[in-house]
Amino acid sequence: MDLEARSLQPNVKAVLLAKLREYKSDLNNLKSEHKRLASANSNQAARDDILESGMADAMSVSANQRGRLMMSTERLNESSDRIKESRRTMLETEELGVSILQDMHQQRQSLLHANDTVFLLLKVPYRKNK
């Protein structure tokens, strides 16, 4: 692979060679860990420690996920409550607006009636009682 990567164009070659070095490093790390685990495999206590730490990690992750889930659920409930309160406020405001519009309509009707009355009075000639 190394020879193939070196024969490519410079811009691709640099990226591939960097990945190749990373893969080689990972392979060496895995080989050394495999040797360490293979030698430790004979020691049952070391094996048990590894398994226990894995279980502890799994439980820790599970507890962490549960905590995050509970926090998310709480935030969702709080948001739902705020939405309900906002909806209630909106409905109250709408009712108040309708009431104000009805009052204004009644006042308009009263003003129109008063205007008609004044207009009729102005049409009737003024008579003096003599």
C-alpha atoms as a PDB file:
ATOM      1  CA  MET A   1       0.000   0.000   0.000  1.00  0.00           C
ATOM      2  CA  ASP A   2       2.855   2.302   0.807  1.00  0.00           C
ATOM      3  CA  LEU A   3       4.283   1.953  -2.722  1.00  0.00           C
ATOM      4  CA  GLU A   4       0.890   2.533  -4.322  1.00  0.00           C
ATOM      5  CA  ALA A   5       0.294   5.690  -2.274  1.00  0.00           C
ATOM      6  CA  ARG A   6       3.742   7.047  -3.168  1.00  0.00           C
ATOM      7  CA  SER A   7       3.033   6.660  -6.885  1.00  0.00           C
ATOM      8  CA  LEU A   8      -0.090   8.889  -6.799  1.00  0.00           C
ATOM      9  CA  GLN A   9      -0.414  12.634  -7.324  1.00  0.00           C
ATOM     10  CA  PRO A  10       1.135  14.835  -4.597  1.00  0.00           C
ATOM     11  CA  ASN A  11      -2.142  16.183  -3.166  1.00  0.00           C
ATOM     12  CA  VAL A  12      -3.656  12.683  -2.823  1.00  0.00           C
ATOM     13  CA  LYS A  13      -0.331  11.119  -1.858  1.00  0.00           C
ATOM     14  CA  ALA A  14       0.087  13.287   1.265  1.00  0.00           C
ATOM     15  CA  VAL A  15      -3.372  12.426   2.573  1.00  0.00           C
ATOM     16  CA  LEU A  16      -3.015   8.713   1.896  1.00  0.00           C
ATOM     17  CA  LEU A  17       0.460   8.510   3.434  1.00  0.00           C
ATOM     18  CA  ALA A  18      -0.785  10.246   6.572  1.00  0.00           C
ATOM     19  CA  LYS A  19      -3.662   7.763   6.843  1.00  0.00           C
ATOM     20  CA  LEU A  20      -1.281   4.887   6.217  1.00  0.00           C
ATOM     21  CA  ARG A  21       1.005   6.054   9.047  1.00  0.00           C
ATOM     22  CA  GLU A  22      -2.021   6.351  11.329  1.00  0.00           C
ATOM     23  CA  TYR A  23      -3.206   2.854  10.406  1.00  0.00           C
ATOM     24  CA  LYS A  24       0.271   1.409  11.001  1.00  0.00           C
ATOM     25  CA  SER A  25       0.402   3.088  14.397  1.00  0.00           C
ATOM     26  CA  ASP A  26      -3.053   1.709  15.278  1.00  0.00           C
ATOM     27  CA  LEU A  27      -1.973  -1.755  14.147  1.00  0.00           C
ATOM     28  CA  ASN A  28       1.155  -1.633  16.323  1.00  0.00           C
ATOM     29  CA  ASN A  29      -0.895  -0.466  19.312  1.00  0.00           C
ATOM     30  CA  LEU A  30      -3.389  -3.285  18.807  1.00  0.00           C
ATOM     31  CA  LYS A  31      -0.595  -5.840  18.460  1.00  0.00           C
ATOM     32  CA  SER A  32       1.015  -4.710  21.706  1.00  0.00           C
ATOM     33  CA  GLU A  33      -2.317  -4.709  23.524  1.00  0.00           C
ATOM     34  CA  HIS A  34      -3.039  -8.194  22.168  1.00  0.00           C
ATOM     35  CA  LYS A  35       0.301  -9.435  23.503  1.00  0.00           C
ATOM     36  CA  ARG A  36      -0.410  -7.823  26.857  1.00  0.00           C
ATOM     37  CA  LEU A  37      -3.871  -9.383  27.048  1.00  0.00           C
ATOM     38  CA  ALA A  38      -2.608 -12.757  25.862  1.00  0.00           C
ATOM     39  CA  SER A  39      -0.012 -12.828  28.624  1.00  0.00           C
ATOM     40  CA  ALA A  40      -2.558 -11.575  31.142  1.00  0.00           C
ATOM     41  CA  ASN A  41      -5.059 -14.159  29.972  1.00  0.00           C
ATOM     42  CA  SER A  42      -3.264 -16.747  32.056  1.00  0.00           C
ATOM     43  CA  ASN A  43      -3.908 -14.638  35.103  1.00  0.00           C
ATOM     44  CA  GLN A  44      -7.617 -15.030  35.921  1.00  0.00           C
ATOM     45  CA  ALA A  45      -7.605 -12.081  38.324  1.00  0.00           C
ATOM     46  CA  ALA A  46      -6.467  -9.695  35.590  1.00  0.00           C
ATOM     47  CA  ARG A  47      -9.210 -11.029  33.324  1.00  0.00           C
ATOM     48  CA  ASP A  48     -11.800 -10.505  36.037  1.00  0.00           C
ATOM     49  CA  ASP A  49     -10.587  -6.948  36.580  1.00  0.00           C
ATOM     50  CA  ILE A  50     -10.992  -6.166  32.903  1.00  0.00           C
ATOM     51  CA  LEU A  51     -14.498  -7.610  32.841  1.00  0.00           C
ATOM     52  CA  GLU A  52     -15.486  -5.753  36.007  1.00  0.00           C
ATOM     53  CA  SER A  53     -14.169  -2.456  34.694  1.00  0.00           C
ATOM     54  CA  GLY A  54     -16.115  -3.034  31.472  1.00  0.00           C
ATOM     55  CA  MET A  55     -19.279  -3.657  33.458  1.00  0.00           C
ATOM     56  CA  ALA A  56     -18.622  -0.584  35.596  1.00  0.00           C
ATOM     57  CA  ASP A  57     -18.142   1.477  32.452  1.00  0.00           C
ATOM     58  CA  ALA A  58     -21.386   0.111  30.988  1.00  0.00           C
ATOM     59  CA  MET A  59     -23.274   0.891  34.198  1.00  0.00           C
ATOM     60  CA  SER A  60     -21.759   4.350  34.348  1.00  0.00           C
ATOM     61  CA  VAL A  61     -22.765   5.024  30.745  1.00  0.00           C
ATOM     62  CA  SER A  62     -26.241   3.671  31.443  1.00  0.00           C
ATOM     63  CA  ALA A  63     -26.634   5.891  34.511  1.00  0.00           C
ATOM     64  CA  ASN A  64     -25.307   8.867  32.574  1.00  0.00           C
ATOM     65  CA  GLN A  65     -27.775   8.242  29.741  1.00  0.00           C
ATOM     66  CA  ARG A  66     -30.609   7.834  32.238  1.00  0.00           C
ATOM     67  CA  GLY A  67     -29.708  11.139  33.881  1.00  0.00           C
ATOM     68  CA  ARG A  68     -29.615  12.942  30.542  1.00  0.00           C
ATOM     69  CA  LEU A  69     -32.928  11.365  29.570  1.00  0.00           C
ATOM     70  CA  MET A  70     -34.526  12.483  32.833  1.00  0.00           C
ATOM     71  CA  MET A  71     -33.198  16.034  32.368  1.00  0.00           C
ATOM     72  CA  SER A  72     -34.531  16.105  28.804  1.00  0.00           C
ATOM     73  CA  THR A  73     -37.914  14.844  29.953  1.00  0.00           C
ATOM     74  CA  GLU A  74     -38.056  17.513  32.667  1.00  0.00           C
ATOM     75  CA  ARG A  75     -37.184  20.259  30.169  1.00  0.00           C
ATOM     76  CA  LEU A  76     -39.837  18.923  27.801  1.00  0.00           C
ATOM     77  CA  ASN A  77     -42.446  18.973  30.580  1.00  0.00           C
ATOM     78  CA  GLU A  78     -41.480  22.533  31.533  1.00  0.00           C
ATOM     79  CA  SER A  79     -41.755  23.624  27.905  1.00  0.00           C
ATOM     80  CA  SER A  80     -45.163  21.974  27.625  1.00  0.00           C
ATOM     81  CA  ASP A  81     -46.331  23.818  30.739  1.00  0.00           C
ATOM     82  CA  ARG A  82     -45.094  27.144  29.315  1.00  0.00           C
ATOM     83  CA  ILE A  83     -46.914  26.454  26.052  1.00  0.00           C
ATOM     84  CA  LYS A  84     -50.142  25.651  27.934  1.00  0.00           C
ATOM     85  CA  GLU A  85     -49.811  28.859  29.982  1.00  0.00           C
ATOM     86  CA  SER A  86     -49.135  30.892  26.841  1.00  0.00           C
ATOM     87  CA  ARG A  87     -52.175  29.381  25.145  1.00  0.00           C
ATOM     88  CA  ARG A  88     -54.342  30.215  28.159  1.00  0.00           C
ATOM     89  CA  THR A  89     -53.057  33.804  28.139  1.00  0.00           C
ATOM     90  CA  MET A  90     -53.714  34.048  24.400  1.00  0.00           C
ATOM     91  CA  LEU A  91     -57.314  32.857  24.852  1.00  0.00           C
ATOM     92  CA  GLU A  92     -57.906  35.354  27.676  1.00  0.00           C
ATOM     93  CA  THR A  93     -56.486  38.145  25.514  1.00  0.00           C
ATOM     94  CA  GLU A  94     -58.699  37.093  22.621  1.00  0.00           C
ATOM     95  CA  GLU A  95     -61.778  37.145  24.883  1.00  0.00           C
ATOM     96  CA  LEU A  96     -60.852  40.621  26.134  1.00  0.00           C
ATOM     97  CA  GLY A  97     -60.390  41.831  22.537  1.00  0.00           C
ATOM     98  CA  VAL A  98     -63.807  40.476  21.529  1.00  0.00           C
ATOM     99  CA  SER A  99     -65.396  42.166  24.554  1.00  0.00           C
ATOM    100  CA  ILE A 100     -63.757  45.507  23.690  1.00  0.00           C
ATOM    101  CA  LEU A 101     -64.912  45.238  20.068  1.00  0.00           C
ATOM    102  CA  GLN A 102     -68.478  44.539  21.216  1.00  0.00           C
ATOM    103  CA  ASP A 103     -68.394  47.586  23.534  1.00  0.00           C
ATOM    104  CA  MET A 104     -67.048  49.739  20.710  1.00  0.00           C
ATOM    105  CA  HIS A 105     -69.812  48.485  18.404  1.00  0.00           C
ATOM    106  CA  GLN A 106     -72.439  49.444  20.995  1.00  0.00           C
ATOM    107  CA  GLN A 107     -70.846  52.868  21.436  1.00  0.00           C
ATOM    108  CA  ARG A 108     -70.828  53.351  17.653  1.00  0.00           C
ATOM    109  CA  GLN A 109     -74.500  52.473  17.499  1.00  0.00           C
ATOM    110  CA  SER A 110     -75.215  54.980  20.291  1.00  0.00           C
ATOM    111  CA  LEU A 111     -73.241  57.704  18.510  1.00  0.00           C
ATOM    112  CA  LEU A 112     -75.009  57.022  15.212  1.00  0.00           C
ATOM    113  CA  HIS A 113     -78.388  57.175  16.950  1.00  0.00           C
ATOM    114  CA  ALA A 114     -77.416  60.437  18.672  1.00  0.00           C
ATOM    115  CA  ASN A 115     -76.215  61.828  15.342  1.00  0.00           C
ATOM    116  CA  ASP A 116     -79.521  60.912  13.692  1.00  0.00           C
ATOM    117  CA  THR A 117     -81.440  62.547  16.538  1.00  0.00           C
ATOM    118  CA  VAL A 118     -79.418  65.776  16.242  1.00  0.00           C
ATOM    119  CA  PHE A 119     -79.873  65.770  12.476  1.00  0.00           C
ATOM    120  CA  LEU A 120     -83.671  65.398  12.856  1.00  0.00           C
ATOM    121  CA  LEU A 121     -83.784  68.210  15.412  1.00  0.00           C
ATOM    122  CA  LEU A 122     -81.885  70.490  13.079  1.00  0.00           C
ATOM    123  CA  LYS A 123     -84.356  69.782  10.263  1.00  0.00           C
ATOM    124  CA  VAL A 124     -87.402  70.727  12.356  1.00  0.00           C
ATOM    125  CA  PRO A 125     -87.901  74.481  12.193  1.00  0.00           C
ATOM    126  CA  TYR A 126     -87.496  76.308  15.442  1.00  0.00           C
ATOM    127  CA  ARG A 127     -90.815  77.599  16.784  1.00  0.00           C
ATOM    128  CA  LYS A 128     -91.200  80.177  19.410  1.00  0.00           C
ATOM    129  CA  ASN A 129     -94.129  79.938  21.724  1.00  0.00           C
ATOM    130  CA  LYS A 130     -95.860  83.277  21.642  1.00  0.00           C
END
